[in-house]
Amino acid sequence: MLPTPKKFKIVAAAAEGSHKLTAFDNALLDAGIGNVNLVRISSILPPAAQQDQDLELPPGSLVPTAYGSIVCEEPGTKISAAVGIGFSSDTFGVIMEYSGQCGKAEAEAKIASMLKDAFENRGIPLVKTEIRAVEHTVEQTGCAFAAVALWY
């Protein structure tokens, strides 16, 4: 059985690269989580997990992460990625992620709507939300990335 994460941080960044994968890697580096191995997870924030934006992740570690990303090779295209957490008063949280060819405000609005739906579908009151988003206009090969990284 895997341990339940106790900490999390929310990040969003955008970057250019010579290739699709290097654009993605550069966005991870700009977000401060480029030297770890992301293990993509679905969307539940463990109960009592504490936010720690200064969280240092050990290089090479396996990091449970909910994220949205988009990579684009069409110069002039606006791309965005967003992630948000909905918090209840006394139980787990819900994480939603989004990416697309749109502006930051549209990505944030989609996250807010998805969080509202997720809590309504669970019959749990939504107490507060925290959303991070980034917008990028592609120069050559660009990536927009937003994530919630969990840790122990």
C-alpha atoms as a PDB file:
ATOM      1  CA  MET A   1       0.000   0.000   0.000  1.00  0.00           C
ATOM      2  CA  LEU A   2       1.255   3.440  -0.913  1.00  0.00           C
ATOM      3  CA  PRO A   3       1.373   6.195   1.720  1.00  0.00           C
ATOM      4  CA  THR A   4      -1.083   9.068   1.482  1.00  0.00           C
ATOM      5  CA  PRO A   5       0.556  12.382   0.568  1.00  0.00           C
ATOM      6  CA  LYS A   6       0.548  15.023   3.318  1.00  0.00           C
ATOM      7  CA  LYS A   7       1.714  18.094   1.355  1.00  0.00           C
ATOM      8  CA  PHE A   8       1.064  19.744  -1.991  1.00  0.00           C
ATOM      9  CA  LYS A   9       2.069  22.686  -4.093  1.00  0.00           C
ATOM     10  CA  ILE A  10       0.352  24.339  -7.038  1.00  0.00           C
ATOM     11  CA  VAL A  11       2.430  25.470 -10.006  1.00  0.00           C
ATOM     12  CA  ALA A  12       1.933  26.923 -13.472  1.00  0.00           C
ATOM     13  CA  ALA A  13       4.543  27.860 -16.075  1.00  0.00           C
ATOM     14  CA  ALA A  14       5.106  28.159 -19.802  1.00  0.00           C
ATOM     15  CA  ALA A  15       8.217  27.807 -21.922  1.00  0.00           C
ATOM     16  CA  GLU A  16       9.607  27.399 -25.397  1.00  0.00           C
ATOM     17  CA  GLY A  17      11.796  24.560 -26.628  1.00  0.00           C
ATOM     18  CA  SER A  18      13.457  23.252 -29.763  1.00  0.00           C
ATOM     19  CA  HIS A  19      11.182  20.205 -29.721  1.00  0.00           C
ATOM     20  CA  LYS A  20       7.811  19.341 -28.179  1.00  0.00           C
ATOM     21  CA  LEU A  21       9.427  17.348 -25.378  1.00  0.00           C
ATOM     22  CA  THR A  22      12.015  20.010 -24.571  1.00  0.00           C
ATOM     23  CA  ALA A  23       9.275  22.667 -24.462  1.00  0.00           C
ATOM     24  CA  PHE A  24       7.419  20.471 -21.947  1.00  0.00           C
ATOM     25  CA  ASP A  25      10.638  19.875 -19.976  1.00  0.00           C
ATOM     26  CA  ASN A  26      11.437  23.595 -19.920  1.00  0.00           C
ATOM     27  CA  ALA A  27       7.936  24.373 -18.625  1.00  0.00           C
ATOM     28  CA  LEU A  28       8.464  21.810 -15.839  1.00  0.00           C
ATOM     29  CA  LEU A  29      11.785  23.435 -14.981  1.00  0.00           C
ATOM     30  CA  ASP A  30      10.169  26.895 -14.915  1.00  0.00           C
ATOM     31  CA  ALA A  31       7.432  25.489 -12.651  1.00  0.00           C
ATOM     32  CA  GLY A  32      10.079  24.165 -10.241  1.00  0.00           C
ATOM     33  CA  ILE A  33       9.279  20.478 -10.731  1.00  0.00           C
ATOM     34  CA  GLY A  34      11.574  19.609 -13.627  1.00  0.00           C
ATOM     35  CA  ASN A  35      13.976  17.294 -11.821  1.00  0.00           C
ATOM     36  CA  VAL A  36      11.445  14.746 -10.598  1.00  0.00           C
ATOM     37  CA  ASN A  37       9.410  11.989 -12.240  1.00  0.00           C
ATOM     38  CA  LEU A  38       5.756  12.930 -12.480  1.00  0.00           C
ATOM     39  CA  VAL A  39       3.306  10.122 -11.828  1.00  0.00           C
ATOM     40  CA  ARG A  40       0.015  11.312 -13.267  1.00  0.00           C
ATOM     41  CA  ILE A  41      -2.908  10.932 -10.908  1.00  0.00           C
ATOM     42  CA  SER A  42      -6.597  11.644 -11.025  1.00  0.00           C
ATOM     43  CA  SER A  43      -8.176  14.359  -9.055  1.00  0.00           C
ATOM     44  CA  ILE A  44      -8.501  13.885  -5.300  1.00  0.00           C
ATOM     45  CA  LEU A  45      -6.533  15.922  -2.764  1.00  0.00           C
ATOM     46  CA  PRO A  46      -6.094  13.828   0.401  1.00  0.00           C
ATOM     47  CA  PRO A  47      -7.833  15.022   3.571  1.00  0.00           C
ATOM     48  CA  ALA A  48      -5.634  17.199   5.790  1.00  0.00           C
ATOM     49  CA  ALA A  49      -2.993  17.709   3.064  1.00  0.00           C
ATOM     50  CA  GLN A  50      -1.222  21.006   3.708  1.00  0.00           C
ATOM     51  CA  GLN A  51      -0.154  23.468   1.044  1.00  0.00           C
ATOM     52  CA  ASP A  52       3.576  24.169   0.986  1.00  0.00           C
ATOM     53  CA  GLN A  53       4.616  26.381  -1.932  1.00  0.00           C
ATOM     54  CA  ASP A  54       8.259  26.133  -0.784  1.00  0.00           C
ATOM     55  CA  LEU A  55       8.171  22.338  -0.938  1.00  0.00           C
ATOM     56  CA  GLU A  56      11.483  20.944  -2.182  1.00  0.00           C
ATOM     57  CA  LEU A  57      11.105  17.653  -4.037  1.00  0.00           C
ATOM     58  CA  PRO A  58      14.099  15.291  -4.034  1.00  0.00           C
ATOM     59  CA  PRO A  59      15.592  14.949  -7.551  1.00  0.00           C
ATOM     60  CA  GLY A  60      14.552  11.742  -9.254  1.00  0.00           C
ATOM     61  CA  SER A  61      11.663  11.039  -6.889  1.00  0.00           C
ATOM     62  CA  LEU A  62       8.294   9.724  -8.062  1.00  0.00           C
ATOM     63  CA  VAL A  63       5.831  12.566  -7.488  1.00  0.00           C
ATOM     64  CA  PRO A  64       2.057  12.040  -7.691  1.00  0.00           C
ATOM     65  CA  THR A  65       0.862  14.940  -9.851  1.00  0.00           C
ATOM     66  CA  ALA A  66      -2.424  16.085 -11.360  1.00  0.00           C
ATOM     67  CA  TYR A  67      -1.637  18.292 -14.335  1.00  0.00           C
ATOM     68  CA  GLY A  68      -2.815  19.852 -17.538  1.00  0.00           C
ATOM     69  CA  SER A  69      -0.450  20.688 -20.370  1.00  0.00           C
ATOM     70  CA  ILE A  70      -0.488  21.651 -23.995  1.00  0.00           C
ATOM     71  CA  VAL A  71       2.364  21.775 -26.501  1.00  0.00           C
ATOM     72  CA  CYS A  72       1.963  23.655 -29.774  1.00  0.00           C
ATOM     73  CA  GLU A  73       4.187  24.252 -32.816  1.00  0.00           C
ATOM     74  CA  GLU A  74       2.047  26.948 -34.474  1.00  0.00           C
ATOM     75  CA  PRO A  75       3.725  30.349 -34.007  1.00  0.00           C
ATOM     76  CA  GLY A  76       1.340  33.034 -32.779  1.00  0.00           C
ATOM     77  CA  THR A  77      -1.091  30.566 -31.200  1.00  0.00           C
ATOM     78  CA  LYS A  78      -2.234  31.414 -27.679  1.00  0.00           C
ATOM     79  CA  ILE A  79      -2.194  28.393 -25.354  1.00  0.00           C
ATOM     80  CA  SER A  80      -3.081  28.073 -21.683  1.00  0.00           C
ATOM     81  CA  ALA A  81      -3.041  25.538 -18.890  1.00  0.00           C
ATOM     82  CA  ALA A  82      -4.806  25.745 -15.555  1.00  0.00           C
ATOM     83  CA  VAL A  83      -5.272  23.690 -12.440  1.00  0.00           C
ATOM     84  CA  GLY A  84      -7.504  24.241  -9.465  1.00  0.00           C
ATOM     85  CA  ILE A  85      -8.349  22.721  -6.139  1.00  0.00           C
ATOM     86  CA  GLY A  86     -11.774  22.823  -4.578  1.00  0.00           C
ATOM     87  CA  PHE A  87     -11.786  22.564  -0.803  1.00  0.00           C
ATOM     88  CA  SER A  88     -14.495  21.226   1.471  1.00  0.00           C
ATOM     89  CA  SER A  89     -14.780  22.189   5.116  1.00  0.00           C
ATOM     90  CA  ASP A  90     -13.868  18.812   6.577  1.00  0.00           C
ATOM     91  CA  THR A  91     -12.988  16.177   3.983  1.00  0.00           C
ATOM     92  CA  PHE A  92     -10.928  15.640   0.847  1.00  0.00           C
ATOM     93  CA  GLY A  93     -10.453  18.197  -1.916  1.00  0.00           C
ATOM     94  CA  VAL A  94     -10.962  17.855  -5.634  1.00  0.00           C
ATOM     95  CA  ILE A  95      -8.368  18.822  -8.260  1.00  0.00           C
ATOM     96  CA  MET A  96      -9.315  19.772 -11.807  1.00  0.00           C
ATOM     97  CA  GLU A  97      -6.958  20.468 -14.680  1.00  0.00           C
ATOM     98  CA  TYR A  98      -7.404  21.978 -18.140  1.00  0.00           C
ATOM     99  CA  SER A  99      -5.342  22.990 -21.164  1.00  0.00           C
ATOM    100  CA  GLY A 100      -6.236  24.351 -24.568  1.00  0.00           C
ATOM    101  CA  GLN A 101      -5.859  26.986 -27.254  1.00  0.00           C
ATOM    102  CA  CYS A 102      -7.355  29.862 -25.302  1.00  0.00           C
ATOM    103  CA  GLY A 103      -6.445  32.641 -22.921  1.00  0.00           C
ATOM    104  CA  LYS A 104      -5.723  32.391 -19.213  1.00  0.00           C
ATOM    105  CA  ALA A 105      -9.107  33.816 -18.181  1.00  0.00           C
ATOM    106  CA  GLU A 106     -10.995  31.191 -20.215  1.00  0.00           C
ATOM    107  CA  ALA A 107      -8.882  28.386 -18.723  1.00  0.00           C
ATOM    108  CA  GLU A 108      -9.515  29.697 -15.195  1.00  0.00           C
ATOM    109  CA  ALA A 109     -13.249  29.906 -15.872  1.00  0.00           C
ATOM    110  CA  LYS A 110     -13.329  26.299 -17.096  1.00  0.00           C
ATOM    111  CA  ILE A 111     -11.540  25.142 -13.937  1.00  0.00           C
ATOM    112  CA  ALA A 112     -13.965  27.074 -11.711  1.00  0.00           C
ATOM    113  CA  SER A 113     -16.924  25.514 -13.527  1.00  0.00           C
ATOM    114  CA  MET A 114     -15.478  21.995 -13.282  1.00  0.00           C
ATOM    115  CA  LEU A 115     -14.807  22.389  -9.557  1.00  0.00           C
ATOM    116  CA  LYS A 116     -18.376  23.574  -8.994  1.00  0.00           C
ATOM    117  CA  ASP A 117     -19.702  20.550 -10.909  1.00  0.00           C
ATOM    118  CA  ALA A 118     -17.405  18.114  -9.073  1.00  0.00           C
ATOM    119  CA  PHE A 119     -18.656  19.234  -5.671  1.00  0.00           C
ATOM    120  CA  GLU A 120     -22.293  19.298  -6.759  1.00  0.00           C
ATOM    121  CA  ASN A 121     -21.903  15.758  -8.139  1.00  0.00           C
ATOM    122  CA  ARG A 122     -20.509  14.595  -4.789  1.00  0.00           C
ATOM    123  CA  GLY A 123     -23.100  16.436  -2.708  1.00  0.00           C
ATOM    124  CA  ILE A 124     -20.340  18.218  -0.782  1.00  0.00           C
ATOM    125  CA  PRO A 125     -20.350  21.995  -0.136  1.00  0.00           C
ATOM    126  CA  LEU A 126     -17.541  23.818  -1.950  1.00  0.00           C
ATOM    127  CA  VAL A 127     -15.945  26.118   0.625  1.00  0.00           C
ATOM    128  CA  LYS A 128     -13.135  27.711  -1.399  1.00  0.00           C
ATOM    129  CA  THR A 129     -11.076  27.290  -4.531  1.00  0.00           C
ATOM    130  CA  GLU A 130      -7.503  27.979  -5.510  1.00  0.00           C
ATOM    131  CA  ILE A 131      -6.688  28.214  -9.200  1.00  0.00           C
ATOM    132  CA  ARG A 132      -3.367  28.700 -10.992  1.00  0.00           C
ATOM    133  CA  ALA A 133      -3.111  29.297 -14.722  1.00  0.00           C
ATOM    134  CA  VAL A 134      -0.634  30.389 -17.338  1.00  0.00           C
ATOM    135  CA  GLU A 135      -0.999  31.791 -20.855  1.00  0.00           C
ATOM    136  CA  HIS A 136       1.641  31.629 -23.579  1.00  0.00           C
ATOM    137  CA  THR A 137       1.882  32.834 -27.155  1.00  0.00           C
ATOM    138  CA  VAL A 138       3.877  30.300 -29.155  1.00  0.00           C
ATOM    139  CA  GLU A 139       7.058  31.536 -30.784  1.00  0.00           C
ATOM    140  CA  GLN A 140       8.358  28.227 -32.231  1.00  0.00           C
ATOM    141  CA  THR A 141       7.402  25.308 -29.999  1.00  0.00           C
ATOM    142  CA  GLY A 142       5.647  26.292 -26.796  1.00  0.00           C
ATOM    143  CA  CYS A 143       4.220  24.537 -23.780  1.00  0.00           C
ATOM    144  CA  ALA A 144       1.798  25.680 -21.082  1.00  0.00           C
ATOM    145  CA  PHE A 145       1.732  23.554 -17.931  1.00  0.00           C
ATOM    146  CA  ALA A 146      -0.182  23.695 -14.635  1.00  0.00           C
ATOM    147  CA  ALA A 147      -0.059  21.130 -11.825  1.00  0.00           C
ATOM    148  CA  VAL A 148      -0.725  20.117  -8.275  1.00  0.00           C
ATOM    149  CA  ALA A 149       2.243  18.094  -7.050  1.00  0.00           C
ATOM    150  CA  LEU A 150       1.675  15.974  -3.940  1.00  0.00           C
ATOM    151  CA  TRP A 151       4.316  14.863  -1.443  1.00  0.00           C
ATOM    152  CA  TYR A 152       4.728  12.912   1.802  1.00  0.00           C
END
